């Protein structure tokens, strides 16, 4: 199971803000504020839909998106 699919709880192929919040809390090991989630979600969400798809998520994780090397923190 990929990291994306692990947090895509409803298996619909995209991560909504609720699912993304769970990912962030696992990543940082703490509760995250709604503002933090919203800010990061907007940056990763390149196509400006209400969800993050697997390609956008991979861009963040592997550093090919707007975050560059910052995405490597998630590996």
N, C-alpha and C. Protein backbone atom coordinates (compact mmCIF):
# COMPACT_ATOMS: atom_id res chain seq x y z
N UNK A 1 0.85 -1.18 0.00
CA UNK A 1 0.00 0.00 0.00
C UNK A 1 0.89 1.25 0.00
N UNK A 2 0.59 2.17 -0.88
CA UNK A 2 1.38 3.40 -0.93
C UNK A 2 0.97 4.33 0.21
N UNK A 3 1.83 5.27 0.50
CA UNK A 3 1.55 6.26 1.53
C UNK A 3 0.27 7.03 1.19
N UNK A 4 0.12 7.39 -0.06
CA UNK A 4 -1.08 8.12 -0.48
C UNK A 4 -2.33 7.30 -0.21
N UNK A 5 -2.32 6.05 -0.61
CA UNK A 5 -3.51 5.20 -0.45
C UNK A 5 -3.81 4.94 1.03
N UNK A 6 -2.78 4.92 1.84
CA UNK A 6 -2.99 4.72 3.28
C UNK A 6 -3.84 5.85 3.86
N UNK A 7 -3.63 7.07 3.40
CA UNK A 7 -4.35 8.21 3.94
C UNK A 7 -5.60 8.57 3.12
N UNK A 8 -5.76 7.97 1.96
CA UNK A 8 -6.99 8.13 1.17
C UNK A 8 -8.00 7.12 1.73
N UNK A 9 -8.56 7.45 2.86
CA UNK A 9 -9.38 6.51 3.63
C UNK A 9 -10.60 5.98 2.89
N UNK A 10 -11.22 6.78 2.04
CA UNK A 10 -12.40 6.32 1.32
C UNK A 10 -12.06 5.73 -0.05
N UNK A 11 -10.77 5.64 -0.35
CA UNK A 11 -10.27 5.02 -1.58
C UNK A 11 -10.89 5.60 -2.85
N UNK A 12 -11.11 6.92 -2.85
CA UNK A 12 -11.69 7.54 -4.03
C UNK A 12 -10.63 8.15 -4.95
N UNK A 13 -9.35 7.94 -4.62
CA UNK A 13 -8.27 8.40 -5.49
C UNK A 13 -7.79 9.81 -5.24
N UNK A 14 -8.38 10.48 -4.27
CA UNK A 14 -7.96 11.83 -3.88
C UNK A 14 -8.01 11.96 -2.37
N UNK A 15 -7.26 12.94 -1.86
CA UNK A 15 -7.24 13.22 -0.43
C UNK A 15 -7.96 14.54 -0.19
N UNK A 16 -8.96 14.51 0.67
CA UNK A 16 -9.62 15.77 1.04
C UNK A 16 -8.88 16.36 2.24
N UNK A 17 -9.32 17.51 2.72
CA UNK A 17 -8.60 18.17 3.81
C UNK A 17 -8.62 17.35 5.09
N UNK A 18 -9.70 16.63 5.35
CA UNK A 18 -9.78 15.79 6.55
C UNK A 18 -8.72 14.68 6.49
N UNK A 19 -8.61 14.03 5.35
CA UNK A 19 -7.62 12.97 5.18
C UNK A 19 -6.21 13.54 5.22
N UNK A 20 -6.02 14.70 4.59
CA UNK A 20 -4.71 15.33 4.58
C UNK A 20 -4.29 15.75 5.99
N UNK A 21 -5.23 16.18 6.80
CA UNK A 21 -4.94 16.55 8.19
C UNK A 21 -4.38 15.35 8.95
N UNK A 22 -4.95 14.19 8.74
CA UNK A 22 -4.46 12.97 9.40
C UNK A 22 -3.03 12.66 8.95
N UNK A 23 -2.76 12.86 7.66
CA UNK A 23 -1.41 12.67 7.15
C UNK A 23 -0.43 13.62 7.84
N UNK A 24 -0.80 14.90 7.90
CA UNK A 24 0.08 15.89 8.53
C UNK A 24 0.33 15.58 10.00
N UNK A 25 -0.69 15.15 10.71
CA UNK A 25 -0.52 14.83 12.13
C UNK A 25 0.40 13.62 12.31
N UNK A 26 0.31 12.66 11.43
CA UNK A 26 1.22 11.51 11.48
C UNK A 26 2.64 11.96 11.16
N UNK A 27 2.79 12.79 10.15
CA UNK A 27 4.09 13.30 9.73
C UNK A 27 4.78 14.08 10.84
N UNK A 28 4.04 15.01 11.46
CA UNK A 28 4.63 15.89 12.47
C UNK A 28 4.56 15.33 13.88
N UNK A 29 3.78 14.27 14.08
CA UNK A 29 3.68 13.66 15.40
C UNK A 29 2.97 14.54 16.42
N UNK A 30 2.06 15.37 15.93
CA UNK A 30 1.31 16.27 16.83
C UNK A 30 0.03 16.69 16.14
N UNK A 31 -0.86 17.26 16.91
CA UNK A 31 -2.07 17.84 16.32
C UNK A 31 -1.67 19.06 15.50
N UNK A 32 -2.34 19.27 14.41
CA UNK A 32 -2.05 20.45 13.59
C UNK A 32 -3.29 21.32 13.53
N UNK A 33 -3.06 22.60 13.50
CA UNK A 33 -4.16 23.57 13.44
C UNK A 33 -4.79 23.56 12.06
N UNK A 34 -6.06 23.90 12.02
CA UNK A 34 -6.79 23.96 10.76
C UNK A 34 -6.11 24.91 9.78
N UNK A 35 -5.56 26.02 10.28
CA UNK A 35 -4.86 26.99 9.42
C UNK A 35 -3.65 26.35 8.75
N UNK A 36 -2.90 25.54 9.51
CA UNK A 36 -1.73 24.86 8.95
C UNK A 36 -2.14 23.92 7.82
N UNK A 37 -3.19 23.16 8.08
CA UNK A 37 -3.68 22.21 7.08
C UNK A 37 -4.13 22.96 5.83
N UNK A 38 -4.91 23.99 6.02
CA UNK A 38 -5.42 24.77 4.89
C UNK A 38 -4.30 25.37 4.06
N UNK A 39 -3.31 25.93 4.71
CA UNK A 39 -2.19 26.56 4.01
C UNK A 39 -1.41 25.53 3.18
N UNK A 40 -1.05 24.43 3.80
CA UNK A 40 -0.27 23.40 3.11
C UNK A 40 -1.10 22.76 2.00
N UNK A 41 -2.36 22.51 2.27
CA UNK A 41 -3.26 21.91 1.29
C UNK A 41 -3.33 22.77 0.04
N UNK A 42 -3.49 24.08 0.23
CA UNK A 42 -3.56 25.00 -0.91
C UNK A 42 -2.28 24.98 -1.74
N UNK A 43 -1.14 24.90 -1.09
CA UNK A 43 0.15 24.89 -1.80
C UNK A 43 0.34 23.61 -2.61
N UNK A 44 -0.07 22.49 -2.07
CA UNK A 44 0.12 21.21 -2.74
C UNK A 44 -0.91 21.03 -3.86
N UNK A 45 -2.08 21.59 -3.67
CA UNK A 45 -3.20 21.43 -4.58
C UNK A 45 -3.02 22.31 -5.82
N UNK A 46 -2.18 21.87 -6.72
CA UNK A 46 -1.79 22.64 -7.90
C UNK A 46 -2.98 22.97 -8.81
N UNK A 47 -3.87 22.02 -9.02
CA UNK A 47 -4.99 22.24 -9.93
C UNK A 47 -6.16 22.98 -9.27
N UNK A 48 -6.00 23.34 -8.02
CA UNK A 48 -6.97 24.13 -7.27
C UNK A 48 -8.34 23.48 -7.15
N UNK A 49 -8.37 22.15 -7.18
CA UNK A 49 -9.59 21.41 -6.88
C UNK A 49 -9.74 21.39 -5.36
N UNK A 50 -10.78 20.77 -4.86
CA UNK A 50 -10.97 20.68 -3.41
C UNK A 50 -10.30 19.45 -2.83
N UNK A 51 -9.45 18.82 -3.64
CA UNK A 51 -8.77 17.60 -3.21
C UNK A 51 -7.33 17.61 -3.73
N UNK A 52 -6.53 16.72 -3.16
CA UNK A 52 -5.16 16.50 -3.62
C UNK A 52 -5.13 15.13 -4.28
N UNK A 53 -4.70 15.10 -5.55
CA UNK A 53 -4.61 13.80 -6.21
C UNK A 53 -3.23 13.20 -5.98
N UNK A 54 -3.06 11.98 -6.42
CA UNK A 54 -1.81 11.26 -6.15
C UNK A 54 -0.60 11.94 -6.79
N UNK A 55 -0.76 12.50 -7.97
CA UNK A 55 0.37 13.18 -8.63
C UNK A 55 0.79 14.42 -7.85
N UNK A 56 -0.17 15.19 -7.35
CA UNK A 56 0.16 16.37 -6.55
C UNK A 56 0.87 15.95 -5.26
N UNK A 57 0.38 14.89 -4.66
CA UNK A 57 0.98 14.37 -3.43
C UNK A 57 2.41 13.90 -3.69
N UNK A 58 2.61 13.17 -4.76
CA UNK A 58 3.96 12.70 -5.11
C UNK A 58 4.89 13.88 -5.37
N UNK A 59 4.39 14.92 -6.02
CA UNK A 59 5.20 16.12 -6.26
C UNK A 59 5.68 16.72 -4.96
N UNK A 60 4.84 16.71 -3.97
CA UNK A 60 5.22 17.22 -2.64
C UNK A 60 6.22 16.28 -1.98
N UNK A 61 5.94 15.01 -1.96
CA UNK A 61 6.79 14.02 -1.28
C UNK A 61 8.17 13.93 -1.92
N UNK A 62 8.21 13.87 -3.23
CA UNK A 62 9.48 13.63 -3.91
C UNK A 62 10.16 14.88 -4.45
N UNK A 63 9.62 16.03 -4.13
CA UNK A 63 10.31 17.27 -4.43
C UNK A 63 10.16 17.79 -5.84
N UNK A 64 9.19 17.28 -6.60
CA UNK A 64 9.03 17.80 -7.96
C UNK A 64 7.93 18.85 -8.06
N UNK A 65 7.26 19.12 -6.96
CA UNK A 65 6.20 20.12 -6.96
C UNK A 65 6.72 21.47 -6.50
N UNK A 66 5.84 22.31 -6.04
CA UNK A 66 6.20 23.65 -5.59
C UNK A 66 7.15 23.65 -4.40
N UNK A 67 7.14 22.58 -3.63
CA UNK A 67 7.95 22.55 -2.41
C UNK A 67 9.39 22.16 -2.65
N UNK A 68 9.72 21.65 -3.82
CA UNK A 68 11.09 21.24 -4.10
C UNK A 68 11.57 20.21 -3.09
N UNK A 69 12.72 20.42 -2.54
CA UNK A 69 13.32 19.47 -1.60
C UNK A 69 12.56 19.36 -0.29
N UNK A 70 11.71 20.30 0.03
CA UNK A 70 10.95 20.26 1.29
C UNK A 70 10.11 19.00 1.38
N UNK A 71 9.65 18.52 0.26
CA UNK A 71 8.85 17.30 0.26
C UNK A 71 9.59 16.10 0.78
N UNK A 72 10.89 16.13 0.73
CA UNK A 72 11.68 15.01 1.21
C UNK A 72 11.54 14.78 2.70
N UNK A 73 11.03 15.74 3.43
CA UNK A 73 10.81 15.57 4.87
C UNK A 73 9.82 14.47 5.15
N UNK A 74 9.01 14.14 4.17
CA UNK A 74 7.94 13.16 4.37
C UNK A 74 8.39 11.73 4.16
N UNK A 75 9.53 11.53 3.58
CA UNK A 75 9.98 10.18 3.24
C UNK A 75 10.51 9.46 4.47
